[in-house]
Amino acid sequence: MKTPKLLKSVKRFLSADKNKQGAKIKCFKDILKKLKKKETALKNKLEQERDDKKRNELKKNIAVVHAQRYKGLEAIKKIKKNN
């Protein structure tokens, strides 16, 4: 799955009501794992890239993926705590 599609899934999960979130936790964990792999791949790509413009773009992408993954992890922790 491409990064934008994964990010849309995170946004949908975060905006859903609490009952729907509880039912979709397992599926959402898989999405978060994919985002983690994507973040790692982007970091590896960043290490190999020499062009400053591309490096800045990769850094922005890494920041977005990391932030969304962090939000998702926090949401799962909150749901588990409330259950």
PDB file of N, CA and C in Angstrom:
ATOM      1  N   MET A   1       0.839  -1.164   0.000  1.00  0.00           N
ATOM      2  CA  MET A   1       0.000   0.000   0.000  1.00  0.00           C
ATOM      3  C   MET A   1       0.891   1.236   0.000  1.00  0.00           C
ATOM      4  N   LYS A   2       0.525   2.233  -0.763  1.00  0.00           N
ATOM      5  CA  LYS A   2       1.312   3.465  -0.830  1.00  0.00           C
ATOM      6  C   LYS A   2       1.065   4.314   0.417  1.00  0.00           C
ATOM      7  N   THR A   3       1.977   5.206   0.679  1.00  0.00           N
ATOM      8  CA  THR A   3       1.917   6.041   1.874  1.00  0.00           C
ATOM      9  C   THR A   3       0.631   6.857   1.976  1.00  0.00           C
ATOM     10  N   PRO A   4       0.186   7.561   0.919  1.00  0.00           N
ATOM     11  CA  PRO A   4      -1.045   8.342   1.059  1.00  0.00           C
ATOM     12  C   PRO A   4      -2.256   7.494   1.452  1.00  0.00           C
ATOM     13  N   LYS A   5      -2.332   6.289   0.926  1.00  0.00           N
ATOM     14  CA  LYS A   5      -3.449   5.410   1.251  1.00  0.00           C
ATOM     15  C   LYS A   5      -3.380   4.979   2.714  1.00  0.00           C
ATOM     16  N   LEU A   6      -2.181   4.701   3.201  1.00  0.00           N
ATOM     17  CA  LEU A   6      -2.004   4.337   4.603  1.00  0.00           C
ATOM     18  C   LEU A   6      -2.376   5.502   5.516  1.00  0.00           C
ATOM     19  N   LEU A   7      -1.979   6.709   5.123  1.00  0.00           N
ATOM     20  CA  LEU A   7      -2.289   7.887   5.931  1.00  0.00           C
ATOM     21  C   LEU A   7      -3.794   8.144   5.972  1.00  0.00           C
ATOM     22  N   LYS A   8      -4.488   7.904   4.859  1.00  0.00           N
ATOM     23  CA  LYS A   8      -5.949   8.057   4.841  1.00  0.00           C
ATOM     24  C   LYS A   8      -6.600   7.069   5.798  1.00  0.00           C
ATOM     25  N   SER A   9      -6.066   5.861   5.858  1.00  0.00           N
ATOM     26  CA  SER A   9      -6.602   4.852   6.769  1.00  0.00           C
ATOM     27  C   SER A   9      -6.445   5.297   8.219  1.00  0.00           C
ATOM     28  N   VAL A  10      -5.307   5.893   8.530  1.00  0.00           N
ATOM     29  CA  VAL A  10      -5.076   6.393   9.888  1.00  0.00           C
ATOM     30  C   VAL A  10      -6.074   7.499  10.211  1.00  0.00           C
ATOM     31  N   LYS A  11      -6.268   8.427   9.289  1.00  0.00           N
ATOM     32  CA  LYS A  11      -7.208   9.531   9.521  1.00  0.00           C
ATOM     33  C   LYS A  11      -8.625   9.013   9.730  1.00  0.00           C
ATOM     34  N   ARG A  12      -9.037   8.023   8.916  1.00  0.00           N
ATOM     35  CA  ARG A  12     -10.382   7.457   9.066  1.00  0.00           C
ATOM     36  C   ARG A  12     -10.539   6.798  10.427  1.00  0.00           C
ATOM     37  N   PHE A  13      -9.532   6.081  10.867  1.00  0.00           N
ATOM     38  CA  PHE A  13      -9.596   5.415  12.158  1.00  0.00           C
ATOM     39  C   PHE A  13      -9.694   6.435  13.285  1.00  0.00           C
ATOM     40  N   LEU A  14      -8.886   7.472  13.212  1.00  0.00           N
ATOM     41  CA  LEU A  14      -8.873   8.470  14.284  1.00  0.00           C
ATOM     42  C   LEU A  14     -10.172   9.264  14.346  1.00  0.00           C
ATOM     43  N   SER A  15     -10.838   9.440  13.206  1.00  0.00           N
ATOM     44  CA  SER A  15     -12.064  10.228  13.192  1.00  0.00           C
ATOM     45  C   SER A  15     -13.316   9.387  13.465  1.00  0.00           C
ATOM     46  N   ALA A  16     -13.200   8.064  13.490  1.00  0.00           N
ATOM     47  CA  ALA A  16     -14.348   7.188  13.744  1.00  0.00           C
ATOM     48  C   ALA A  16     -14.741   7.256  15.218  1.00  0.00           C
ATOM     49  N   ASP A  17     -15.997   6.882  15.503  1.00  0.00           N
ATOM     50  CA  ASP A  17     -16.424   6.886  16.899  1.00  0.00           C
ATOM     51  C   ASP A  17     -15.773   5.717  17.646  1.00  0.00           C
ATOM     52  N   LYS A  18     -15.853   5.752  18.955  1.00  0.00           N
ATOM     53  CA  LYS A  18     -15.108   4.814  19.806  1.00  0.00           C
ATOM     54  C   LYS A  18     -15.506   3.354  19.574  1.00  0.00           C
ATOM     55  N   ASN A  19     -16.795   3.075  19.339  1.00  0.00           N
ATOM     56  CA  ASN A  19     -17.227   1.687  19.141  1.00  0.00           C
ATOM     57  C   ASN A  19     -16.617   1.091  17.878  1.00  0.00           C
ATOM     58  N   LYS A  20     -16.593   1.866  16.809  1.00  0.00           N
ATOM     59  CA  LYS A  20     -16.026   1.383  15.556  1.00  0.00           C
ATOM     60  C   LYS A  20     -14.519   1.203  15.681  1.00  0.00           C
ATOM     61  N   GLN A  21     -13.878   2.082  16.429  1.00  0.00           N
ATOM     62  CA  GLN A  21     -12.433   1.970  16.617  1.00  0.00           C
ATOM     63  C   GLN A  21     -12.083   0.667  17.324  1.00  0.00           C
ATOM     64  N   GLY A  22     -12.857   0.326  18.341  1.00  0.00           N
ATOM     65  CA  GLY A  22     -12.591  -0.900  19.089  1.00  0.00           C
ATOM     66  C   GLY A  22     -12.673  -2.136  18.220  1.00  0.00           C
ATOM     67  N   ALA A  23     -13.592  -2.133  17.270  1.00  0.00           N
ATOM     68  CA  ALA A  23     -13.776  -3.287  16.392  1.00  0.00           C
ATOM     69  C   ALA A  23     -12.663  -3.401  15.354  1.00  0.00           C
ATOM     70  N   LYS A  24     -11.991  -2.302  15.058  1.00  0.00           N
ATOM     71  CA  LYS A  24     -11.009  -2.296  13.978  1.00  0.00           C
ATOM     72  C   LYS A  24      -9.559  -2.254  14.455  1.00  0.00           C
ATOM     73  N   ILE A  25      -9.318  -2.490  15.712  1.00  0.00           N
ATOM     74  CA  ILE A  25      -7.962  -2.365  16.247  1.00  0.00           C
ATOM     75  C   ILE A  25      -6.985  -3.318  15.557  1.00  0.00           C
ATOM     76  N   LYS A  26      -7.368  -4.578  15.359  1.00  0.00           N
ATOM     77  CA  LYS A  26      -6.447  -5.549  14.760  1.00  0.00           C
ATOM     78  C   LYS A  26      -6.024  -5.119  13.359  1.00  0.00           C
ATOM     79  N   CYS A  27      -6.983  -4.713  12.558  1.00  0.00           N
ATOM     80  CA  CYS A  27      -6.688  -4.251  11.201  1.00  0.00           C
ATOM     81  C   CYS A  27      -5.804  -3.003  11.254  1.00  0.00           C
ATOM     82  N   PHE A  28      -6.089  -2.141  12.194  1.00  0.00           N
ATOM     83  CA  PHE A  28      -5.345  -0.896  12.315  1.00  0.00           C
ATOM     84  C   PHE A  28      -3.900  -1.152  12.733  1.00  0.00           C
ATOM     85  N   LYS A  29      -3.672  -2.165  13.554  1.00  0.00           N
ATOM     86  CA  LYS A  29      -2.308  -2.503  13.952  1.00  0.00           C
ATOM     87  C   LYS A  29      -1.483  -2.910  12.735  1.00  0.00           C
ATOM     88  N   ASP A  30      -2.118  -3.630  11.804  1.00  0.00           N
ATOM     89  CA  ASP A  30      -1.422  -4.017  10.572  1.00  0.00           C
ATOM     90  C   ASP A  30      -1.021  -2.785   9.768  1.00  0.00           C
ATOM     91  N   ILE A  31      -1.908  -1.803   9.710  1.00  0.00           N
ATOM     92  CA  ILE A  31      -1.611  -0.566   8.988  1.00  0.00           C
ATOM     93  C   ILE A  31      -0.442   0.160   9.652  1.00  0.00           C
ATOM     94  N   LEU A  32      -0.427   0.186  10.976  1.00  0.00           N
ATOM     95  CA  LEU A  32       0.671   0.846  11.689  1.00  0.00           C
ATOM     96  C   LEU A  32       1.998   0.123  11.456  1.00  0.00           C
ATOM     97  N   LYS A  33       1.955  -1.198  11.343  1.00  0.00           N
ATOM     98  CA  LYS A  33       3.180  -1.947  11.042  1.00  0.00           C
ATOM     99  C   LYS A  33       3.696  -1.588   9.652  1.00  0.00           C
ATOM    100  N   LYS A  34       2.772  -1.444   8.704  1.00  0.00           N
ATOM    101  CA  LYS A  34       3.166  -1.062   7.349  1.00  0.00           C
ATOM    102  C   LYS A  34       3.763   0.341   7.340  1.00  0.00           C
ATOM    103  N   LEU A  35       3.176   1.241   8.136  1.00  0.00           N
ATOM    104  CA  LEU A  35       3.724   2.595   8.226  1.00  0.00           C
ATOM    105  C   LEU A  35       5.128   2.573   8.829  1.00  0.00           C
ATOM    106  N   LYS A  36       5.355   1.699   9.793  1.00  0.00           N
ATOM    107  CA  LYS A  36       6.681   1.600  10.400  1.00  0.00           C
ATOM    108  C   LYS A  36       7.698   1.113   9.367  1.00  0.00           C
ATOM    109  N   LYS A  37       7.310   0.125   8.568  1.00  0.00           N
ATOM    110  CA  LYS A  37       8.200  -0.361   7.511  1.00  0.00           C
ATOM    111  C   LYS A  37       8.478   0.741   6.498  1.00  0.00           C
ATOM    112  N   LYS A  38       7.438   1.513   6.169  1.00  0.00           N
ATOM    113  CA  LYS A  38       7.580   2.604   5.209  1.00  0.00           C
ATOM    114  C   LYS A  38       8.530   3.659   5.768  1.00  0.00           C
ATOM    115  N   GLU A  39       8.389   3.973   7.054  1.00  0.00           N
ATOM    116  CA  GLU A  39       9.263   4.956   7.693  1.00  0.00           C
ATOM    117  C   GLU A  39      10.718   4.483   7.662  1.00  0.00           C
ATOM    118  N   THR A  40      10.941   3.213   7.948  1.00  0.00           N
ATOM    119  CA  THR A  40      12.292   2.654   7.921  1.00  0.00           C
ATOM    120  C   THR A  40      12.876   2.714   6.516  1.00  0.00           C
ATOM    121  N   ALA A  41      12.051   2.386   5.528  1.00  0.00           N
ATOM    122  CA  ALA A  41      12.515   2.429   4.139  1.00  0.00           C
ATOM    123  C   ALA A  41      12.883   3.852   3.733  1.00  0.00           C
ATOM    124  N   LEU A  42      12.076   4.819   4.161  1.00  0.00           N
ATOM    125  CA  LEU A  42      12.376   6.218   3.844  1.00  0.00           C
ATOM    126  C   LEU A  42      13.669   6.666   4.520  1.00  0.00           C
ATOM    127  N   LYS A  43      13.897   6.215   5.754  1.00  0.00           N
ATOM    128  CA  LYS A  43      15.136   6.569   6.456  1.00  0.00           C
ATOM    129  C   LYS A  43      16.352   5.986   5.744  1.00  0.00           C
ATOM    130  N   ASN A  44      16.216   4.750   5.272  1.00  0.00           N
ATOM    131  CA  ASN A  44      17.319   4.132   4.528  1.00  0.00           C
ATOM    132  C   ASN A  44      17.583   4.876   3.227  1.00  0.00           C
ATOM    133  N   LYS A  45      16.516   5.288   2.579  1.00  0.00           N
ATOM    134  CA  LYS A  45      16.637   6.047   1.336  1.00  0.00           C
ATOM    135  C   LYS A  45      17.320   7.392   1.602  1.00  0.00           C
ATOM    136  N   LEU A  46      16.980   8.003   2.741  1.00  0.00           N
ATOM    137  CA  LEU A  46      17.560   9.289   3.117  1.00  0.00           C
ATOM    138  C   LEU A  46      19.072   9.165   3.315  1.00  0.00           C
ATOM    139  N   GLU A  47      19.502   8.080   3.925  1.00  0.00           N
ATOM    140  CA  GLU A  47      20.935   7.873   4.159  1.00  0.00           C
ATOM    141  C   GLU A  47      21.718   7.777   2.858  1.00  0.00           C
ATOM    142  N   GLN A  48      21.092   7.237   1.826  1.00  0.00           N
ATOM    143  CA  GLN A  48      21.781   7.035   0.555  1.00  0.00           C
ATOM    144  C   GLN A  48      21.680   8.240  -0.378  1.00  0.00           C
ATOM    145  N   GLU A  49      20.714   9.114  -0.126  1.00  0.00           N
ATOM    146  CA  GLU A  49      20.471  10.253  -1.025  1.00  0.00           C
ATOM    147  C   GLU A  49      21.512  11.349  -0.798  1.00  0.00           C
ATOM    148  N   ARG A  50      21.984  11.933  -1.885  1.00  0.00           N
ATOM    149  CA  ARG A  50      22.992  12.998  -1.812  1.00  0.00           C
ATOM    150  C   ARG A  50      22.430  14.366  -2.206  1.00  0.00           C
ATOM    151  N   ASP A  51      21.371  14.399  -2.963  1.00  0.00           N
ATOM    152  CA  ASP A  51      20.774  15.650  -3.428  1.00  0.00           C
ATOM    153  C   ASP A  51      20.009  16.313  -2.273  1.00  0.00           C
ATOM    154  N   ASP A  52      20.348  17.579  -1.967  1.00  0.00           N
ATOM    155  CA  ASP A  52      19.734  18.272  -0.835  1.00  0.00           C
ATOM    156  C   ASP A  52      18.227  18.434  -0.985  1.00  0.00           C
ATOM    157  N   LYS A  53      17.775  18.729  -2.180  1.00  0.00           N
ATOM    158  CA  LYS A  53      16.338  18.927  -2.405  1.00  0.00           C
ATOM    159  C   LYS A  53      15.563  17.635  -2.120  1.00  0.00           C
ATOM    160  N   LYS A  54      16.083  16.527  -2.607  1.00  0.00           N
ATOM    161  CA  LYS A  54      15.430  15.236  -2.379  1.00  0.00           C
ATOM    162  C   LYS A  54      15.517  14.830  -0.912  1.00  0.00           C
ATOM    163  N   ARG A  55      16.639  15.166  -0.265  1.00  0.00           N
ATOM    164  CA  ARG A  55      16.794  14.853   1.158  1.00  0.00           C
ATOM    165  C   ARG A  55      15.754  15.592   1.995  1.00  0.00           C
ATOM    166  N   ASN A  56      15.524  16.881   1.671  1.00  0.00           N
ATOM    167  CA  ASN A  56      14.523  17.649   2.404  1.00  0.00           C
ATOM    168  C   ASN A  56      13.123  17.068   2.208  1.00  0.00           C
ATOM    169  N   GLU A  57      12.836  16.643   0.985  1.00  0.00           N
ATOM    170  CA  GLU A  57      11.531  16.041   0.700  1.00  0.00           C
ATOM    171  C   GLU A  57      11.363  14.729   1.479  1.00  0.00           C
ATOM    172  N   LEU A  58      12.414  13.940   1.515  1.00  0.00           N
ATOM    173  CA  LEU A  58      12.359  12.685   2.269  1.00  0.00           C
ATOM    174  C   LEU A  58      12.172  12.946   3.765  1.00  0.00           C
ATOM    175  N   LYS A  59      12.847  13.966   4.283  1.00  0.00           N
ATOM    176  CA  LYS A  59      12.704  14.312   5.703  1.00  0.00           C
ATOM    177  C   LYS A  59      11.270  14.701   6.029  1.00  0.00           C
ATOM    178  N   LYS A  60      10.640  15.466   5.136  1.00  0.00           N
ATOM    179  CA  LYS A  60       9.242  15.856   5.344  1.00  0.00           C
ATOM    180  C   LYS A  60       8.335  14.633   5.336  1.00  0.00           C
ATOM    181  N   ASN A  61       8.568  13.734   4.384  1.00  0.00           N
ATOM    182  CA  ASN A  61       7.758  12.513   4.311  1.00  0.00           C
ATOM    183  C   ASN A  61       7.930  11.656   5.562  1.00  0.00           C
ATOM    184  N   ILE A  62       9.156  11.556   6.036  1.00  0.00           N
ATOM    185  CA  ILE A  62       9.422  10.784   7.249  1.00  0.00           C
ATOM    186  C   ILE A  62       8.690  11.405   8.437  1.00  0.00           C
ATOM    187  N   ALA A  63       8.720  12.722   8.533  1.00  0.00           N
ATOM    188  CA  ALA A  63       8.052  13.409   9.640  1.00  0.00           C
ATOM    189  C   ALA A  63       6.543  13.165   9.614  1.00  0.00           C
ATOM    190  N   VAL A  64       5.941  13.210   8.429  1.00  0.00           N
ATOM    191  CA  VAL A  64       4.495  12.995   8.302  1.00  0.00           C
ATOM    192  C   VAL A  64       4.134  11.564   8.690  1.00  0.00           C
ATOM    193  N   VAL A  65       4.871  10.605   8.160  1.00  0.00           N
ATOM    194  CA  VAL A  65       4.592   9.196   8.456  1.00  0.00           C
ATOM    195  C   VAL A  65       4.771   8.925   9.947  1.00  0.00           C
ATOM    196  N   HIS A  66       5.831   9.468  10.523  1.00  0.00           N
ATOM    197  CA  HIS A  66       6.093   9.256  11.946  1.00  0.00           C
ATOM    198  C   HIS A  66       4.980   9.859  12.804  1.00  0.00           C
ATOM    199  N   ALA A  67       4.561  11.065  12.475  1.00  0.00           N
ATOM    200  CA  ALA A  67       3.516  11.731  13.251  1.00  0.00           C
ATOM    201  C   ALA A  67       2.202  10.948  13.194  1.00  0.00           C
ATOM    202  N   GLN A  68       1.832  10.482  12.016  1.00  0.00           N
ATOM    203  CA  GLN A  68       0.584   9.737  11.884  1.00  0.00           C
ATOM    204  C   GLN A  68       0.663   8.396  12.615  1.00  0.00           C
ATOM    205  N   ARG A  69       1.804   7.759  12.540  1.00  0.00           N
ATOM    206  CA  ARG A  69       1.977   6.480  13.233  1.00  0.00           C
ATOM    207  C   ARG A  69       1.895   6.685  14.745  1.00  0.00           C
ATOM    208  N   TYR A  70       2.497   7.758  15.218  1.00  0.00           N
ATOM    209  CA  TYR A  70       2.463   8.075  16.646  1.00  0.00           C
ATOM    210  C   TYR A  70       1.028   8.344  17.105  1.00  0.00           C
ATOM    211  N   LYS A  71       0.275   9.103  16.311  1.00  0.00           N
ATOM    212  CA  LYS A  71      -1.128   9.379  16.646  1.00  0.00           C
ATOM    213  C   LYS A  71      -1.931   8.084  16.718  1.00  0.00           C
ATOM    214  N   GLY A  72      -1.673   7.197  15.782  1.00  0.00           N
ATOM    215  CA  GLY A  72      -2.374   5.916  15.768  1.00  0.00           C
ATOM    216  C   GLY A  72      -2.051   5.072  16.989  1.00  0.00           C
ATOM    217  N   LEU A  73      -0.783   5.031  17.361  1.00  0.00           N
ATOM    218  CA  LEU A  73      -0.378   4.270  18.543  1.00  0.00           C
ATOM    219  C   LEU A  73      -1.015   4.838  19.808  1.00  0.00           C
ATOM    220  N   GLU A  74      -1.057   6.146  19.911  1.00  0.00           N
ATOM    221  CA  GLU A  74      -1.681   6.790  21.069  1.00  0.00           C
ATOM    222  C   GLU A  74      -3.174   6.484  21.121  1.00  0.00           C
ATOM    223  N   ALA A  75      -3.835   6.477  19.959  1.00  0.00           N
ATOM    224  CA  ALA A  75      -5.266   6.178  19.905  1.00  0.00           C
ATOM    225  C   ALA A  75      -5.534   4.748  20.364  1.00  0.00           C
ATOM    226  N   ILE A  76      -4.706   3.810  19.939  1.00  0.00           N
ATOM    227  CA  ILE A  76      -4.882   2.413  20.353  1.00  0.00           C
ATOM    228  C   ILE A  76      -4.678   2.274  21.864  1.00  0.00           C
ATOM    229  N   LYS A  77      -3.667   2.939  22.398  1.00  0.00           N
ATOM    230  CA  LYS A  77      -3.425   2.883  23.844  1.00  0.00           C
ATOM    231  C   LYS A  77      -4.621   3.434  24.612  1.00  0.00           C
ATOM    232  N   LYS A  78      -5.181   4.527  24.118  1.00  0.00           N
ATOM    233  CA  LYS A  78      -6.324   5.159  24.774  1.00  0.00           C
ATOM    234  C   LYS A  78      -7.545   4.239  24.746  1.00  0.00           C
ATOM    235  N   ILE A  79      -7.781   3.591  23.611  1.00  0.00           N
ATOM    236  CA  ILE A  79      -8.925   2.684  23.481  1.00  0.00           C
ATOM    237  C   ILE A  79      -8.766   1.492  24.417  1.00  0.00           C
ATOM    238  N   LYS A  80      -7.563   0.924  24.461  1.00  0.00           N
ATOM    239  CA  LYS A  80      -7.324  -0.222  25.338  1.00  0.00           C
ATOM    240  C   LYS A  80      -7.475   0.165  26.806  1.00  0.00           C
ATOM    241  N   LYS A  81      -7.060   1.366  27.139  1.00  0.00           N
ATOM    242  CA  LYS A  81      -7.158   1.833  28.518  1.00  0.00           C
ATOM    243  C   LYS A  81      -8.619   2.005  28.926  1.00  0.00           C
ATOM    244  N   ASN A  82      -9.456   2.476  28.002  1.00  0.00           N
ATOM    245  CA  ASN A  82     -10.870   2.699  28.297  1.00  0.00           C
ATOM    246  C   ASN A  82     -11.668   1.403  28.345  1.00  0.00           C
ATOM    247  N   ASN A  83     -11.172   0.353  27.707  1.00  0.00           N
ATOM    248  CA  ASN A  83     -11.908  -0.929  27.699  1.00  0.00           C
ATOM    249  C   ASN A  83     -11.569  -1.733  28.877  1.00  0.00           C
TER     250      ASN A  83
END
